[in-house]
Amino acid sequence: MIEEPTPGLDEGALRALVPRVLAGLVRRGEDFDAAEDALQEALLEALRVWPEHPPREPGAWLTAVATRRLVDARRSEAARHRREDAIYAEPPASTAEEEETGDDTLFVLFCCCNPDLAPASQVALTLRAVGGLTTREIADAFFVPEATMAQRISRAKRALQGRRLDQLGDLAVVLRVLYLIYSAGHAGRVDLAAEAIRLARQLTLATEEPEARGLLALMLLNHARLPARLDADGRIVTLDRQDRGLWNTGEIADGLRVLQSALAVGRPSRYQTEAAIAALHDDAASAEDTDWPQILAWYDDLLALSDDPVHQDPAAVLGRAVAVGHVLGAAAGLRETDRLRDVLGERYRWHAVRAYLHELGGDLTAAAAEYADAAHRATDVAERDHLVRQAARARAARQ
């Protein structure tokens, strides 16, 4: 929501005020769309005024200015008070005390993740209203035109127009939206993975639900490997070939701490279990030291959480097949993939897993063929190029 950074302003602190002020306006009964637009105008005014006239209570200042914008919007054009566009006097400090602050981020996250909105709209509105990102930043991150993203956000706000947001959605929807943001990756002017981690950390401060901590741990443990995921030429490096000395040990330690606090509650579920698997990979000094029996046990627990894991969580099913291959042998892992052929046989990841298992078992001819088949089916350019190189490497190694 902040269009351009301004010297002398702490942009991070300003963005952190967004959900608190927005939540205060919505809790007071203001329409979500109108409140978000009024707050956008207040933020623009802050960028203009604060460098020379910094307020004692920034949250109260934004609330007061946004409120005046809302009042103006409800008046007729002839009665609008132009004098209110001047530099505003300092609002009374008591205004800030009157706003609810304990769970404001959680409240706005729930508003943006309303189950009546499409997933893409939930993600966009969350980044705008909670993350404080501009429409242009969100559009750049998702490789779509700014006008397209603006329409998406406008539709989302129209869908919430006129609603009293006192009956909010499920926490599971919020967690899913944050994971979608994280999975969007590291592109454009904004690192969406880092943004998702920031929002997930805020969420853990607003709720004691262990699965929120499980999601944060999963993000941290995966994000820690980011420096080793690409080589100097920008090509994908698989986990077994990464330079583990490049991994972020601070993020790993933080992720382990968060995961342990979640598991201590004794209610493990999807994100906690996935984080436990990631932790075992991060804990191994080398690929050869990976504790595959423990990973297989966690995969069994993960699949037991779903009534239909093949359809609902195919990535976990394929991950378990790899673990089976390491624990019981490549042939056993391949038999696991055979059972999935009718459902997953058209997906490139199914062929990529089979290629890996063939290579694990020493059959480089079959591995090269499966890598090539996976490359043919892949839609992501980086993944496709990686699989083409894997096929070429397997063909060269067999000679």
Protein backbone atom coordinates (compact mmCIF):
# COMPACT_ATOMS: atom_id res chain seq x y z
CA MET A 1 0.00 0.00 0.00
CA ILE A 2 3.04 2.27 0.24
CA GLU A 3 3.75 3.51 -3.27
CA GLU A 4 7.37 4.68 -2.91
CA PRO A 5 9.89 4.68 -0.03
CA THR A 6 10.62 8.14 1.36
CA PRO A 7 13.90 9.19 3.02
CA GLY A 8 13.54 9.62 6.77
CA LEU A 9 10.66 7.15 7.04
CA ASP A 10 10.89 3.61 8.40
CA GLU A 11 8.94 1.89 5.62
CA GLY A 12 8.84 -1.42 7.51
CA ALA A 13 7.35 0.21 10.59
CA LEU A 14 4.81 2.07 8.46
CA ARG A 15 3.75 -1.14 6.75
CA ALA A 16 3.43 -2.87 10.11
CA LEU A 17 0.78 -0.32 11.10
CA VAL A 18 -1.43 -1.24 8.13
CA PRO A 19 -3.28 -4.26 9.58
CA ARG A 20 -3.76 -2.63 12.97
CA VAL A 21 -5.31 0.54 11.57
CA LEU A 22 -7.35 -1.33 8.96
CA ALA A 23 -8.64 -3.74 11.60
CA GLY A 24 -9.66 -0.85 13.84
CA LEU A 25 -11.68 0.73 11.04
CA VAL A 26 -13.38 -2.53 10.04
CA ARG A 27 -14.13 -3.52 13.63
CA ARG A 28 -15.80 -0.14 14.02
CA GLY A 29 -18.20 -1.09 11.24
CA GLU A 30 -16.59 0.49 8.19
CA ASP A 31 -16.85 -1.31 4.87
CA PHE A 32 -13.62 -3.23 4.13
CA ASP A 33 -13.23 -1.79 0.63
CA ALA A 34 -13.86 1.79 1.71
CA ALA A 35 -11.60 1.42 4.76
CA GLU A 36 -8.75 0.03 2.68
CA ASP A 37 -9.05 2.87 0.16
CA ALA A 38 -9.17 5.48 2.94
CA LEU A 39 -6.10 3.97 4.59
CA GLN A 40 -4.27 4.04 1.24
CA GLU A 41 -4.93 7.78 1.04
CA ALA A 42 -3.79 8.22 4.64
CA LEU A 43 -0.53 6.41 3.88
CA LEU A 44 0.13 8.62 0.88
CA GLU A 45 -0.51 11.66 3.07
CA ALA A 46 1.91 10.23 5.68
CA LEU A 47 4.63 9.94 3.05
CA ARG A 48 4.16 13.61 2.28
CA VAL A 49 3.79 14.97 5.81
CA TRP A 50 5.82 12.80 8.18
CA PRO A 51 9.37 13.62 7.00
CA GLU A 52 8.89 17.21 8.24
CA HIS A 53 6.15 16.69 10.85
CA PRO A 54 6.55 13.19 12.36
CA PRO A 55 3.60 12.32 14.64
CA ARG A 56 3.97 11.15 18.23
CA GLU A 57 1.38 8.40 17.65
CA PRO A 58 1.68 7.13 14.03
CA GLY A 59 -1.17 4.64 14.37
CA ALA A 60 -3.50 7.24 15.79
CA TRP A 61 -2.49 9.71 13.05
CA LEU A 62 -3.30 7.20 10.30
CA THR A 63 -6.59 6.29 11.97
CA ALA A 64 -7.63 9.92 12.26
CA VAL A 65 -6.72 10.77 8.66
CA ALA A 66 -8.36 7.60 7.27
CA THR A 67 -11.48 8.38 9.30
CA ARG A 68 -11.62 11.87 7.83
CA ARG A 69 -11.31 10.39 4.35
CA LEU A 70 -14.23 8.08 5.10
CA VAL A 71 -16.30 10.99 6.39
CA ASP A 72 -15.45 12.98 3.27
CA ALA A 73 -16.49 10.07 1.05
CA ARG A 74 -19.91 10.02 2.68
CA ARG A 75 -20.50 13.71 2.13
CA SER A 76 -21.72 15.26 -1.07
CA GLU A 77 -19.12 16.79 -3.37
CA ALA A 78 -20.40 20.32 -2.70
CA ALA A 79 -20.09 19.92 1.08
CA ARG A 80 -16.64 18.36 1.02
CA HIS A 81 -14.20 20.28 3.21
CA ARG A 82 -11.11 20.95 1.12
CA ARG A 83 -9.37 22.42 4.13
CA GLU A 84 -9.02 18.91 5.59
CA ASP A 85 -6.42 18.14 2.92
CA ALA A 86 -3.93 20.38 4.69
CA ILE A 87 -1.37 19.05 7.16
CA TYR A 88 -3.34 17.57 10.00
CA ALA A 89 -2.92 18.50 13.59
CA GLU A 90 -1.63 15.86 15.93
CA PRO A 91 -4.47 13.47 16.88
CA PRO A 92 -4.98 12.87 20.59
CA ALA A 93 -2.84 10.04 21.89
CA SER A 94 -5.90 8.38 23.38
CA THR A 95 -7.05 7.40 19.88
CA ALA A 96 -4.31 4.81 19.68
CA GLU A 97 -5.25 3.41 23.05
CA GLU A 98 -8.81 2.90 21.90
CA GLU A 99 -7.82 0.71 18.97
CA GLU A 100 -7.66 -3.04 19.50
CA THR A 101 -4.14 -4.27 18.90
CA GLY A 102 -3.86 -7.79 20.32
CA ASP A 103 -5.04 -9.76 17.30
CA ASP A 104 -5.29 -7.16 14.54
CA THR A 105 -3.01 -8.96 12.10
CA LEU A 106 -4.96 -12.18 12.60
CA PHE A 107 -8.25 -10.31 12.12
CA VAL A 108 -7.20 -8.72 8.83
CA LEU A 109 -5.66 -11.98 7.59
CA PHE A 110 -9.00 -13.68 8.17
CA CYS A 111 -10.81 -10.88 6.37
CA CYS A 112 -8.55 -11.24 3.33
CA CYS A 113 -8.81 -15.03 3.39
CA ASN A 114 -12.59 -15.08 3.39
CA PRO A 115 -13.63 -18.49 2.04
CA ASP A 116 -15.99 -16.86 -0.47
CA LEU A 117 -12.98 -15.44 -2.34
CA ALA A 118 -11.02 -17.38 -4.94
CA PRO A 119 -7.51 -18.44 -3.82
CA ALA A 120 -5.82 -15.98 -6.21
CA SER A 121 -7.92 -13.15 -4.79
CA GLN A 122 -7.16 -14.21 -1.22
CA VAL A 123 -3.43 -14.10 -1.96
CA ALA A 124 -3.57 -10.71 -3.69
CA LEU A 125 -5.73 -9.08 -1.02
CA THR A 126 -3.54 -10.46 1.78
CA LEU A 127 -0.39 -9.05 0.20
CA ARG A 128 -2.10 -5.70 -0.30
CA ALA A 129 -3.92 -5.23 3.01
CA VAL A 130 -1.65 -7.15 5.40
CA GLY A 131 1.68 -7.17 3.61
CA GLY A 132 1.36 -3.52 2.64
CA LEU A 133 2.63 -4.19 -0.89
CA THR A 134 1.66 -2.01 -3.81
CA THR A 135 -0.40 -3.37 -6.67
CA ARG A 136 2.65 -3.02 -8.92
CA GLU A 137 4.83 -5.05 -6.54
CA ILE A 138 2.25 -7.85 -6.36
CA ALA A 139 1.82 -7.86 -10.14
CA ASP A 140 5.60 -8.03 -10.67
CA ALA A 141 5.90 -10.94 -8.26
CA PHE A 142 3.27 -12.96 -10.13
CA PHE A 143 4.38 -11.88 -13.63
CA VAL A 144 1.03 -10.34 -14.57
CA PRO A 145 0.24 -6.80 -15.81
CA GLU A 146 -0.46 -4.26 -13.08
CA ALA A 147 -3.93 -3.64 -14.55
CA THR A 148 -4.75 -7.35 -14.24
CA MET A 149 -3.71 -7.44 -10.60
CA ALA A 150 -5.62 -4.22 -9.89
CA GLN A 151 -8.78 -5.81 -11.29
CA ARG A 152 -8.21 -8.92 -9.18
CA ILE A 153 -7.86 -6.87 -6.01
CA SER A 154 -10.88 -4.72 -6.90
CA ARG A 155 -13.03 -7.81 -7.46
CA ALA A 156 -11.95 -9.20 -4.11
CA LYS A 157 -12.85 -6.00 -2.31
CA ARG A 158 -16.19 -5.79 -4.11
CA ALA A 159 -16.97 -9.32 -2.97
CA LEU A 160 -16.54 -8.15 0.62
CA GLN A 161 -18.40 -4.87 0.10
CA GLY A 162 -21.18 -4.19 2.56
CA ARG A 163 -20.32 -7.12 4.81
CA ARG A 164 -19.86 -6.89 8.55
CA LEU A 165 -16.77 -9.03 8.93
CA ASP A 166 -17.59 -10.45 12.33
CA GLN A 167 -17.88 -14.06 11.15
CA LEU A 168 -14.49 -14.92 9.80
CA GLY A 169 -13.16 -17.99 8.06
CA ASP A 170 -11.12 -20.97 9.11
CA LEU A 171 -7.51 -20.65 10.27
CA ALA A 172 -6.71 -23.46 7.84
CA VAL A 173 -7.63 -21.13 4.96
CA VAL A 174 -5.25 -18.47 6.27
CA LEU A 175 -2.43 -21.02 6.53
CA ARG A 176 -3.12 -22.26 3.01
CA VAL A 177 -3.01 -18.72 1.62
CA LEU A 178 0.30 -18.02 3.36
CA TYR A 179 1.72 -21.26 1.96
CA LEU A 180 0.54 -20.28 -1.53
CA ILE A 181 2.35 -16.97 -1.14
CA TYR A 182 5.49 -18.78 0.01
CA SER A 183 5.31 -21.28 -2.84
CA ALA A 184 5.09 -18.47 -5.40
CA GLY A 185 8.82 -18.15 -4.82
CA HIS A 186 11.44 -15.49 -5.15
CA ALA A 187 10.68 -13.35 -8.19
CA GLY A 188 10.12 -9.73 -9.13
CA ARG A 189 10.84 -6.77 -6.85
CA VAL A 190 9.39 -8.57 -3.82
CA ASP A 191 10.62 -11.87 -2.34
CA LEU A 192 7.25 -13.51 -1.74
CA ALA A 193 8.81 -16.35 0.24
CA ALA A 194 10.35 -13.87 2.69
CA GLU A 195 7.06 -11.95 2.81
CA ALA A 196 5.15 -15.15 3.64
CA ILE A 197 7.62 -15.92 6.44
CA ARG A 198 7.14 -12.41 7.85
CA LEU A 199 3.35 -12.76 7.82
CA ALA A 200 3.49 -16.30 9.26
CA ARG A 201 5.68 -15.02 12.10
CA GLN A 202 3.10 -12.32 12.84
CA LEU A 203 0.37 -14.97 12.80
CA THR A 204 2.18 -17.07 15.41
CA LEU A 205 2.17 -14.03 17.70
CA ALA A 206 -1.59 -13.75 17.35
CA THR A 207 -2.61 -17.39 17.85
CA GLU A 208 -1.48 -20.35 19.96
CA GLU A 209 -2.51 -22.84 17.27
CA PRO A 210 0.51 -25.18 16.82
CA GLU A 211 -0.13 -25.65 13.12
CA ALA A 212 0.63 -21.95 12.57
CA ARG A 213 4.03 -22.57 14.12
CA GLY A 214 4.35 -25.71 12.03
CA LEU A 215 3.89 -23.67 8.86
CA LEU A 216 6.43 -21.07 9.98
CA ALA A 217 8.93 -23.83 10.78
CA LEU A 218 8.38 -25.45 7.39
CA MET A 219 8.99 -22.16 5.60
CA LEU A 220 12.14 -21.40 7.60
CA LEU A 221 13.64 -24.87 7.15
CA ASN A 222 13.04 -24.80 3.39
CA HIS A 223 14.06 -21.17 2.95
CA ALA A 224 17.37 -21.91 4.67
CA ARG A 225 18.46 -23.89 1.60
CA LEU A 226 17.78 -21.05 -0.82
CA PRO A 227 21.44 -19.95 -1.24
CA ALA A 228 22.35 -23.41 -2.56
CA ARG A 229 19.38 -24.05 -4.86
CA LEU A 230 20.91 -22.43 -7.94
CA ASP A 231 24.45 -22.61 -9.29
CA ALA A 232 26.49 -19.67 -10.56
CA ASP A 233 24.67 -19.88 -13.92
CA GLY A 234 21.22 -19.84 -12.31
CA ARG A 235 20.57 -23.54 -12.90
CA ILE A 236 18.66 -25.72 -10.42
CA VAL A 237 20.76 -27.79 -8.00
CA THR A 238 18.91 -30.75 -6.47
CA LEU A 239 18.97 -31.29 -2.71
CA ASP A 240 21.36 -34.26 -2.88
CA ARG A 241 23.94 -32.17 -4.80
CA GLN A 242 23.68 -28.87 -2.91
CA ASP A 243 26.62 -27.29 -1.08
CA ARG A 244 25.29 -27.53 2.46
CA GLY A 245 27.86 -25.06 3.64
CA LEU A 246 25.77 -22.40 1.91
CA TRP A 247 22.64 -23.21 3.92
CA ASN A 248 21.47 -20.56 6.39
CA THR A 249 22.22 -22.15 9.77
CA GLY A 250 20.46 -19.34 11.62
CA GLU A 251 17.18 -20.01 9.80
CA ILE A 252 17.59 -23.75 10.41
CA ALA A 253 18.07 -23.20 14.15
CA ASP A 254 15.07 -20.86 14.24
CA GLY A 255 12.95 -23.36 12.31
CA LEU A 256 13.91 -26.20 14.64
CA ARG A 257 13.06 -24.12 17.70
CA VAL A 258 9.64 -23.19 16.29
CA LEU A 259 8.96 -26.79 15.23
CA GLN A 260 9.84 -28.18 18.65
CA SER A 261 7.45 -25.75 20.34
CA ALA A 262 4.68 -26.83 17.95
CA LEU A 263 5.26 -30.57 18.35
CA ALA A 264 5.37 -30.18 22.14
CA VAL A 265 1.64 -29.38 22.10
CA GLY A 266 0.97 -32.96 20.97
CA ARG A 267 -1.37 -32.19 18.06
CA PRO A 268 0.73 -32.87 14.95
CA SER A 269 -0.83 -32.13 11.58
CA ARG A 270 0.19 -31.44 8.00
CA TYR A 271 2.61 -28.50 8.24
CA GLN A 272 4.24 -29.76 11.42
CA THR A 273 4.83 -33.14 9.80
CA GLU A 274 6.22 -31.63 6.61
CA ALA A 275 8.47 -29.44 8.73
CA ALA A 276 9.75 -32.53 10.58
CA ILE A 277 10.71 -34.06 7.22
CA ALA A 278 12.46 -30.84 6.18
CA ALA A 279 14.28 -30.77 9.53
CA LEU A 280 15.71 -34.24 8.96
CA HIS A 281 17.07 -33.16 5.57
CA ASP A 282 18.54 -29.98 7.07
CA ASP A 283 20.10 -31.92 9.95
CA ALA A 284 22.10 -34.23 7.67
CA ALA A 285 25.73 -33.22 7.15
CA SER A 286 25.61 -34.78 3.68
CA ALA A 287 23.08 -36.49 1.44
CA GLU A 288 24.54 -39.85 2.46
CA ASP A 289 23.90 -39.06 6.15
CA THR A 290 20.17 -38.45 5.64
CA ASP A 291 18.01 -40.39 8.12
CA TRP A 292 15.72 -41.96 5.51
CA PRO A 293 13.98 -44.43 7.90
CA GLN A 294 12.83 -41.50 10.05
CA ILE A 295 11.76 -39.57 6.96
CA LEU A 296 9.75 -42.57 5.76
CA ALA A 297 8.05 -42.79 9.16
CA TRP A 298 7.08 -39.12 8.98
CA TYR A 299 5.75 -39.59 5.44
CA ASP A 300 3.57 -42.43 6.71
CA ASP A 301 2.22 -40.10 9.38
CA LEU A 302 1.64 -37.38 6.77
CA LEU A 303 -0.34 -39.62 4.43
CA ALA A 304 -2.40 -40.92 7.36
CA LEU A 305 -3.74 -37.36 7.83
CA SER A 306 -5.58 -37.52 4.49
CA ASP A 307 -8.53 -39.67 3.43
CA ASP A 308 -7.31 -39.71 -0.18
CA PRO A 309 -3.61 -38.73 -0.23
CA VAL A 310 -3.05 -39.72 -3.89
CA HIS A 311 -5.52 -37.07 -5.05
CA GLN A 312 -5.21 -34.59 -2.17
CA ASP A 313 -1.44 -34.61 -1.64
CA PRO A 314 0.35 -36.19 -4.62
CA ALA A 315 3.65 -34.49 -3.76
CA ALA A 316 3.72 -36.27 -0.40
CA VAL A 317 2.88 -39.61 -2.03
CA LEU A 318 5.77 -39.20 -4.47
CA GLY A 319 8.05 -38.05 -1.66
CA ARG A 320 7.23 -41.22 0.24
CA ALA A 321 8.12 -43.32 -2.83
CA VAL A 322 11.59 -41.74 -2.83
CA ALA A 323 11.96 -42.50 0.89
CA VAL A 324 10.89 -46.10 0.27
CA GLY A 325 13.54 -46.32 -2.44
CA HIS A 326 16.25 -45.25 -0.01
CA VAL A 327 15.08 -47.49 2.85
CA LEU A 328 13.89 -50.64 1.04
CA GLY A 329 15.68 -50.30 -2.27
CA ALA A 330 15.04 -48.66 -5.63
CA ALA A 331 12.86 -51.52 -6.86
CA ALA A 332 10.51 -51.07 -3.89
CA GLY A 333 10.29 -47.37 -4.58
CA LEU A 334 9.48 -48.02 -8.24
CA ARG A 335 6.72 -50.42 -7.21
CA GLU A 336 5.22 -47.58 -5.17
CA THR A 337 5.17 -45.36 -8.26
CA ASP A 338 3.63 -48.18 -10.33
CA ARG A 339 0.60 -48.04 -8.04
CA LEU A 340 0.24 -44.35 -8.86
CA ARG A 341 0.48 -44.65 -12.63
CA ASP A 342 -3.26 -44.35 -13.38
CA VAL A 343 -3.61 -41.14 -11.32
CA LEU A 344 -0.23 -39.43 -11.62
CA GLY A 345 1.26 -40.99 -14.75
CA GLU A 346 0.68 -37.88 -16.86
CA ARG A 347 2.51 -35.58 -14.44
CA TYR A 348 6.13 -34.69 -15.00
CA ARG A 349 7.00 -35.14 -11.32
CA TRP A 350 5.91 -38.78 -11.45
CA HIS A 351 8.38 -39.40 -14.28
CA ALA A 352 11.08 -37.37 -12.51
CA VAL A 353 10.72 -39.49 -9.36
CA ARG A 354 10.91 -42.69 -11.39
CA ALA A 355 14.02 -41.36 -13.13
CA TYR A 356 15.63 -40.66 -9.74
CA LEU A 357 14.76 -44.14 -8.47
CA HIS A 358 16.09 -45.83 -11.63
CA GLU A 359 19.32 -43.89 -11.20
CA LEU A 360 19.42 -44.86 -7.52
CA GLY A 361 19.18 -48.48 -8.60
CA GLY A 362 21.89 -48.11 -11.25
CA ASP A 363 19.68 -48.35 -14.36
CA LEU A 364 20.93 -45.25 -16.18
CA THR A 365 19.25 -46.13 -19.47
CA ALA A 366 15.80 -46.15 -17.87
CA ALA A 367 16.71 -43.07 -15.83
CA ALA A 368 17.67 -41.09 -18.95
CA ALA A 369 14.42 -42.06 -20.68
CA GLU A 370 12.30 -41.02 -17.67
CA TYR A 371 14.18 -37.73 -17.25
CA ALA A 372 13.54 -36.97 -20.92
CA ASP A 373 9.85 -37.84 -20.56
CA ALA A 374 9.60 -35.61 -17.48
CA ALA A 375 11.27 -32.74 -19.36
CA HIS A 376 8.78 -33.12 -22.22
CA ARG A 377 5.86 -32.74 -19.78
CA ALA A 378 7.29 -29.93 -17.61
CA THR A 379 5.81 -26.47 -18.13
CA ASP A 380 8.23 -24.47 -15.99
CA VAL A 381 11.24 -23.47 -18.10
CA ALA A 382 13.80 -23.86 -15.30
CA GLU A 383 12.45 -27.29 -14.36
CA ARG A 384 12.39 -28.41 -17.98
CA ASP A 385 15.97 -27.30 -18.60
CA HIS A 386 17.09 -29.04 -15.41
CA LEU A 387 15.45 -32.30 -16.47
CA VAL A 388 16.99 -32.09 -19.94
CA ARG A 389 20.42 -31.77 -18.29
CA GLN A 390 19.64 -34.69 -15.99
CA ALA A 391 18.73 -36.84 -18.98
CA ALA A 392 21.97 -35.86 -20.76
CA ARG A 393 24.02 -36.58 -17.64
CA ALA A 394 22.45 -40.03 -17.23
CA ARG A 395 23.08 -40.87 -20.89
CA ALA A 396 26.71 -39.74 -20.60
CA ALA A 397 27.27 -41.70 -17.39
CA ARG A 398 26.12 -45.00 -18.88
CA GLN A 399 28.76 -44.90 -21.60
